[in-house]
């Protein structure tokens, strides 16, 4: 489950056309559960991430003009929305999408290890806290779960299908990854009474799967998920897996044809050398952002961003 973690350092890995590059970053480089927006045509990059101690655990914001030199830009709110239980700790794992000039930020409000959770929504016309128009407007909860539910309403991930319909995948442990249709312009659920679709389930306790992100490529949909456990430093076992489907609602299968609803998932990234427990992913403009724990720095968390490449069979690979 995604949690706030702090670090004085951050690694950003970009895969350029000429091959992998590891630029030296500068500034404030702390992030966890990254929601990345990759700037296009000279626009700035943004990372929104799990909240810290400031502003009652509100989502944090970082900005870069080039994806290398980063600065801390503040938090989403000075006071978070009143509908969120004061007992809830930092807000988690945001995701960002733009529609018709409005930015929609989905985020999780929960406590570690519980499915008494909610996914909230806020809207803005800009991601940049330095813009005079910057103001996140609370739109309330999108979906909630209670202890009697078989799902956990955290870790939102937004995708728009080929017909222009927006969908929100979500989930952590319990019954795995679920999905509901949302609608424009509200960004809220299209049918609050509809049973969430089932996308992925490992099938055996503790069903350690979370952090969904869906990417469309070549008319197909790719569901990225995180397996196993994050947030344990050197003992973290996170790894990123993927499945493919012809429609956004599935069924998703891995490279061997095993359904993700039956425990399938082709692993793309896992612990290797000093890069421990990669996971907590999001996608933007052909890049996948995730965090991991640095074995050369006592398990301190790092943020990585890698280009998504595609092999001859149409499957993603990560630099």
Protein backbone atom coordinates (compact mmCIF):
# COMPACT_ATOMS: atom_id res chain seq x y z
CA UNK A 1 0.00 0.00 0.00
CA UNK A 2 1.34 3.41 -0.87
CA UNK A 3 2.64 5.52 2.00
CA UNK A 4 4.50 8.76 2.47
CA UNK A 5 8.26 8.38 2.71
CA UNK A 6 10.97 11.02 2.84
CA UNK A 7 14.38 11.29 1.27
CA UNK A 8 16.96 13.97 0.64
CA UNK A 9 17.84 12.49 -2.74
CA UNK A 10 16.12 11.34 -5.92
CA UNK A 11 17.24 9.57 -9.08
CA UNK A 12 15.47 10.26 -12.36
CA UNK A 13 16.15 7.75 -15.15
CA UNK A 14 15.23 8.88 -18.65
CA UNK A 15 15.59 6.69 -21.71
CA UNK A 16 16.41 8.88 -24.71
CA UNK A 17 16.44 7.80 -28.34
CA UNK A 18 20.22 7.30 -28.20
CA UNK A 19 19.96 5.01 -25.16
CA UNK A 20 19.68 5.21 -21.37
CA UNK A 21 20.76 8.40 -19.66
CA UNK A 22 21.02 9.09 -15.93
CA UNK A 23 21.21 12.86 -15.52
CA UNK A 24 22.30 14.36 -12.23
CA UNK A 25 19.27 16.04 -10.69
CA UNK A 26 19.27 19.08 -8.47
CA UNK A 27 16.93 20.87 -6.11
CA UNK A 28 14.20 19.31 -3.98
CA UNK A 29 13.86 15.77 -5.28
CA UNK A 30 11.69 13.92 -2.76
CA UNK A 31 8.63 12.06 -4.03
CA UNK A 32 6.73 8.83 -3.42
CA UNK A 33 3.81 7.36 -5.40
CA UNK A 34 4.59 9.71 -8.28
CA UNK A 35 1.92 11.13 -10.57
CA UNK A 36 4.01 12.46 -13.44
CA UNK A 37 3.00 14.95 -16.12
CA UNK A 38 5.73 15.12 -18.74
CA UNK A 39 5.98 18.57 -20.26
CA UNK A 40 5.55 18.85 -24.01
CA UNK A 41 6.89 21.53 -26.37
CA UNK A 42 8.84 23.30 -23.65
CA UNK A 43 6.13 23.11 -20.98
CA UNK A 44 7.25 22.30 -17.42
CA UNK A 45 7.14 18.85 -15.88
CA UNK A 46 5.25 18.18 -12.67
CA UNK A 47 5.33 15.43 -10.05
CA UNK A 48 2.43 15.25 -7.61
CA UNK A 49 3.07 12.74 -4.85
CA UNK A 50 1.94 11.29 -1.54
CA UNK A 51 1.63 13.90 1.18
CA UNK A 52 4.13 14.70 3.90
CA UNK A 53 4.01 16.57 7.19
CA UNK A 54 3.05 19.92 5.62
CA UNK A 55 -0.59 21.01 5.28
CA UNK A 56 -2.01 18.04 7.20
CA UNK A 57 -0.56 15.53 4.76
CA UNK A 58 -1.88 17.19 1.60
CA UNK A 59 -0.55 16.01 -1.76
CA UNK A 60 2.90 17.46 -2.52
CA UNK A 61 3.89 19.26 -5.74
CA UNK A 62 7.26 19.46 -7.48
CA UNK A 63 8.10 21.29 -10.69
CA UNK A 64 10.87 21.14 -13.28
CA UNK A 65 11.50 23.09 -16.47
CA UNK A 66 13.51 20.26 -18.00
CA UNK A 67 12.83 17.08 -16.01
CA UNK A 68 16.24 17.38 -14.32
CA UNK A 69 16.35 20.46 -12.08
CA UNK A 70 13.46 20.16 -9.63
CA UNK A 71 12.00 22.44 -7.01
CA UNK A 72 9.49 21.88 -4.25
CA UNK A 73 6.41 23.88 -5.20
CA UNK A 74 4.16 23.36 -2.18
CA UNK A 75 1.04 21.35 -1.52
CA UNK A 76 -2.37 21.05 -3.09
CA UNK A 77 -4.13 22.63 -0.10
CA UNK A 78 -3.29 24.58 3.02
CA UNK A 79 -6.25 22.87 4.69
CA UNK A 80 -7.53 19.63 3.22
CA UNK A 81 -11.26 19.04 2.59
CA UNK A 82 -13.52 18.78 5.58
CA UNK A 83 -15.17 15.55 4.41
CA UNK A 84 -11.92 13.64 5.07
CA UNK A 85 -11.81 12.10 8.54
CA UNK A 86 -9.25 14.02 10.65
CA UNK A 87 -7.88 10.66 11.81
CA UNK A 88 -6.73 9.87 8.26
CA UNK A 89 -3.01 10.38 7.80
CA UNK A 90 -1.29 11.77 4.70
CA UNK A 91 -3.20 11.65 1.45
CA UNK A 92 -1.80 9.09 -0.98
CA UNK A 93 -1.04 8.19 -4.53
CA UNK A 94 -2.56 10.91 -6.73
CA UNK A 95 -3.25 10.66 -10.44
CA UNK A 96 -3.72 13.53 -12.90
CA UNK A 97 -5.59 13.93 -16.17
CA UNK A 98 -6.56 16.97 -18.24
CA UNK A 99 -9.90 17.33 -20.00
CA UNK A 100 -11.17 20.36 -21.90
CA UNK A 101 -8.86 22.79 -20.09
CA UNK A 102 -9.44 21.39 -16.60
CA UNK A 103 -7.05 19.25 -14.59
CA UNK A 104 -8.60 16.44 -12.53
CA UNK A 105 -6.62 15.16 -9.56
CA UNK A 106 -7.74 11.87 -8.00
CA UNK A 107 -6.16 10.80 -4.71
CA UNK A 108 -6.56 8.32 -1.85
CA UNK A 109 -7.57 8.95 1.76
CA UNK A 110 -7.08 5.95 4.02
CA UNK A 111 -5.03 4.47 6.83
CA UNK A 112 -2.35 1.84 6.32
CA UNK A 113 -3.73 -1.71 6.25
CA UNK A 114 -7.42 -0.71 6.22
CA UNK A 115 -10.02 -0.72 3.46
CA UNK A 116 -12.02 2.00 5.20
CA UNK A 117 -10.93 4.30 2.40
CA UNK A 118 -12.01 6.85 -0.17
CA UNK A 119 -10.80 8.26 -3.47
CA UNK A 120 -11.32 12.01 -3.67
CA UNK A 121 -11.32 14.44 -6.57
CA UNK A 122 -10.17 18.03 -6.97
CA UNK A 123 -10.05 20.22 -10.08
CA UNK A 124 -7.89 23.11 -11.26
CA UNK A 125 -7.11 25.00 -14.46
CA UNK A 126 -3.35 24.71 -13.92
CA UNK A 127 -0.82 22.39 -12.26
CA UNK A 128 1.63 25.20 -11.45
CA UNK A 129 1.39 26.67 -7.94
CA UNK A 130 3.13 29.80 -9.27
CA UNK A 131 0.23 30.52 -11.64
CA UNK A 132 -2.17 33.17 -10.23
CA UNK A 133 -5.07 30.95 -11.33
CA UNK A 134 -3.82 28.00 -9.23
CA UNK A 135 -6.61 26.81 -6.93
CA UNK A 136 -7.63 23.21 -6.32
CA UNK A 137 -11.39 22.97 -5.90
CA UNK A 138 -12.66 20.05 -3.83
CA UNK A 139 -15.20 17.89 -5.68
CA UNK A 140 -15.71 15.40 -2.85
CA UNK A 141 -15.36 11.60 -2.86
CA UNK A 142 -15.61 9.58 -6.07
CA UNK A 143 -15.88 6.15 -4.45
CA UNK A 144 -15.61 4.91 -0.87
CA UNK A 145 -15.06 1.51 0.70
CA UNK A 146 -15.84 0.28 4.19
CA UNK A 147 -14.70 -2.78 6.10
CA UNK A 148 -17.66 -4.83 4.84
CA UNK A 149 -16.63 -4.26 1.20
CA UNK A 150 -14.38 -6.71 -0.63
CA UNK A 151 -12.31 -3.95 -2.28
CA UNK A 152 -10.10 -1.07 -1.18
CA UNK A 153 -10.81 2.38 -2.64
CA UNK A 154 -7.24 3.67 -3.01
CA UNK A 155 -4.58 4.06 -5.75
CA UNK A 156 -6.66 5.68 -8.51
CA UNK A 157 -5.50 5.53 -12.13
CA UNK A 158 -7.38 7.31 -14.93
CA UNK A 159 -7.53 6.32 -18.60
CA UNK A 160 -9.71 7.44 -21.50
CA UNK A 161 -10.77 4.72 -23.95
CA UNK A 162 -11.00 4.92 -27.74
CA UNK A 163 -14.59 6.17 -27.53
CA UNK A 164 -13.57 9.05 -25.26
CA UNK A 165 -15.04 7.49 -22.10
CA UNK A 166 -12.97 8.01 -18.92
CA UNK A 167 -12.41 5.12 -16.51
CA UNK A 168 -10.86 4.95 -13.06
CA UNK A 169 -8.99 1.81 -12.05
CA UNK A 170 -8.12 1.40 -8.38
CA UNK A 171 -7.47 -1.15 -5.67
CA UNK A 172 -5.04 -2.60 -3.20
CA UNK A 173 -5.03 -6.12 -1.72
CA UNK A 174 -8.59 -7.34 -0.84
CA UNK A 175 -10.20 -8.33 -4.19
CA UNK A 176 -7.44 -6.77 -6.28
CA UNK A 177 -7.78 -4.21 -9.04
CA UNK A 178 -11.25 -2.86 -9.82
CA UNK A 179 -12.58 -0.19 -12.19
CA UNK A 180 -15.51 2.19 -12.52
CA UNK A 181 -16.65 4.48 -15.31
CA UNK A 182 -16.48 8.20 -14.63
CA UNK A 183 -17.90 11.02 -16.69
CA UNK A 184 -17.08 14.49 -17.98
CA UNK A 185 -17.34 17.25 -17.01
CA UNK A 186 -17.88 16.28 -13.36
CA UNK A 187 -15.13 13.65 -13.20
CA UNK A 188 -17.35 11.68 -10.82
CA UNK A 189 -18.84 8.21 -11.29
CA UNK A 190 -21.16 7.76 -14.25
CA UNK A 191 -23.31 5.35 -12.21
CA UNK A 192 -22.67 5.35 -8.45
CA UNK A 193 -24.66 2.13 -8.08
CA UNK A 194 -22.73 0.11 -10.65
CA UNK A 195 -20.61 -2.78 -9.37
CA UNK A 196 -16.93 -2.05 -10.03
CA UNK A 197 -15.45 -4.16 -12.80
CA UNK A 198 -12.79 -6.73 -11.88
CA UNK A 199 -9.47 -6.37 -13.71
CA UNK A 200 -6.80 -8.27 -11.76
CA UNK A 201 -6.69 -10.61 -8.79
CA UNK A 202 -3.76 -12.74 -7.64
CA UNK A 203 -6.22 -15.14 -6.05
CA UNK A 204 -4.32 -16.05 -2.89
CA UNK A 205 -3.98 -14.14 0.39
CA UNK A 206 -2.88 -11.46 0.97
CA UNK A 207 -3.57 -10.64 -2.70
CA UNK A 208 -0.66 -8.19 -2.83
CA UNK A 209 -1.50 -6.21 -5.96
CA UNK A 210 -2.12 -2.46 -6.25
CA UNK A 211 -1.20 0.82 -8.00
CA UNK A 212 -2.90 0.29 -11.39
CA UNK A 213 -2.04 2.42 -14.41
CA UNK A 214 -3.58 1.73 -17.84
CA UNK A 215 -1.87 2.81 -21.06
CA UNK A 216 -3.36 2.57 -24.56
CA UNK A 217 -0.99 1.59 -27.36
CA UNK A 218 -1.76 0.45 -30.88
CA UNK A 219 -5.45 0.03 -30.15
CA UNK A 220 -4.79 -2.22 -27.13
CA UNK A 221 -4.76 -1.50 -23.42
CA UNK A 222 -1.96 -2.35 -21.01
CA UNK A 223 -2.60 -2.62 -17.28
CA UNK A 224 0.51 -1.94 -15.18
CA UNK A 225 0.31 -3.06 -11.54
CA UNK A 226 2.58 -3.39 -8.52
CA UNK A 227 2.97 -6.82 -6.94
CA UNK A 228 3.97 -7.55 -3.33
CA UNK A 229 5.03 -5.07 -0.62
CA UNK A 230 6.32 -1.51 -0.69
CA UNK A 231 7.37 0.86 2.08
CA UNK A 232 9.83 -1.47 3.84
CA UNK A 233 13.09 0.03 2.67
CA UNK A 234 15.68 -2.68 2.03
CA UNK A 235 13.02 -5.32 2.72
CA UNK A 236 10.59 -4.02 0.10
CA UNK A 237 9.51 -6.59 -2.48
CA UNK A 238 7.56 -4.40 -4.91
CA UNK A 239 7.79 -5.27 -8.62
CA UNK A 240 5.96 -3.98 -11.66
CA UNK A 241 3.93 -6.33 -13.86
CA UNK A 242 1.69 -5.85 -16.89
CA UNK A 243 -1.17 -7.45 -18.83
CA UNK A 244 -2.81 -6.69 -22.16
CA UNK A 245 -6.45 -6.47 -23.32
CA UNK A 246 -8.41 -5.55 -26.43
CA UNK A 247 -10.81 -3.38 -24.43
CA UNK A 248 -10.23 -1.14 -21.45
CA UNK A 249 -12.42 -3.34 -19.23
CA UNK A 250 -10.47 -6.49 -20.01
CA UNK A 251 -10.01 -9.37 -19.83
CA UNK A 252 -6.29 -8.69 -19.34
CA UNK A 253 -3.81 -11.49 -19.94
CA UNK A 254 -0.06 -11.67 -19.53
CA UNK A 255 2.51 -12.59 -22.15
CA UNK A 256 1.91 -16.30 -21.51
CA UNK A 257 -1.84 -15.93 -21.88
CA UNK A 258 -2.57 -16.23 -18.14
CA UNK A 259 -5.48 -13.95 -17.12
CA UNK A 260 -4.61 -11.28 -14.60
CA UNK A 261 -7.83 -12.27 -12.84
CA UNK A 262 -6.20 -15.67 -12.26
CA UNK A 263 -2.90 -14.47 -10.87
CA UNK A 264 -1.21 -13.61 -14.17
CA UNK A 265 1.11 -10.71 -14.87
CA UNK A 266 4.34 -10.35 -16.87
CA UNK A 267 6.99 -8.80 -14.63
CA UNK A 268 8.75 -5.78 -16.19
CA UNK A 269 10.82 -4.47 -13.28
CA UNK A 270 11.88 -6.04 -10.00
CA UNK A 271 14.68 -5.79 -7.50
CA UNK A 272 18.02 -5.72 -9.26
CA UNK A 273 21.25 -4.76 -7.55
CA UNK A 274 20.79 -1.61 -5.52
CA UNK A 275 17.39 -0.88 -7.08
CA UNK A 276 15.06 -2.49 -4.54
CA UNK A 277 11.30 -2.85 -4.80
CA UNK A 278 10.32 -0.73 -7.84
CA UNK A 279 6.61 0.09 -8.01
CA UNK A 280 3.89 2.66 -7.37
CA UNK A 281 3.74 3.60 -11.05
CA UNK A 282 2.00 6.19 -13.21
CA UNK A 283 2.29 7.00 -16.92
CA UNK A 284 2.48 10.18 -18.99
CA UNK A 285 3.34 10.87 -22.62
CA UNK A 286 5.23 7.63 -23.16
CA UNK A 287 7.01 7.51 -19.79
CA UNK A 288 6.46 5.41 -16.69
CA UNK A 289 7.22 6.93 -13.29
CA UNK A 290 7.77 4.80 -10.21
CA UNK A 291 9.69 4.74 -6.97
CA UNK A 292 12.22 2.28 -5.58
CA UNK A 293 14.55 1.93 -2.57
CA UNK A 294 18.27 2.55 -2.89
CA UNK A 295 20.41 -0.30 -1.58
CA UNK A 296 23.44 1.99 -1.65
CA UNK A 297 21.72 4.50 0.66
CA UNK A 298 20.27 2.31 3.43
CA UNK A 299 16.98 1.84 1.56
CA UNK A 300 16.18 5.51 1.00
CA UNK A 301 13.37 5.95 -1.56
CA UNK A 302 14.06 7.22 -5.05
CA UNK A 303 11.88 8.31 -7.95
CA UNK A 304 12.63 6.92 -11.42
CA UNK A 305 11.13 7.81 -14.77
CA UNK A 306 11.76 5.53 -17.73
CA UNK A 307 10.57 5.69 -21.30
CA UNK A 308 8.12 2.96 -22.27
CA UNK A 309 9.41 1.14 -25.36
CA UNK A 310 7.55 -1.52 -27.34
CA UNK A 311 8.95 -4.77 -28.68
CA UNK A 312 8.14 -6.48 -31.97
CA UNK A 313 5.24 -8.36 -30.34
CA UNK A 314 3.66 -5.15 -29.11
CA UNK A 315 4.58 -5.59 -25.44
CA UNK A 316 6.05 -2.79 -23.32
CA UNK A 317 9.64 -2.77 -22.10
CA UNK A 318 11.10 -0.39 -19.56
CA UNK A 319 14.57 1.14 -19.84
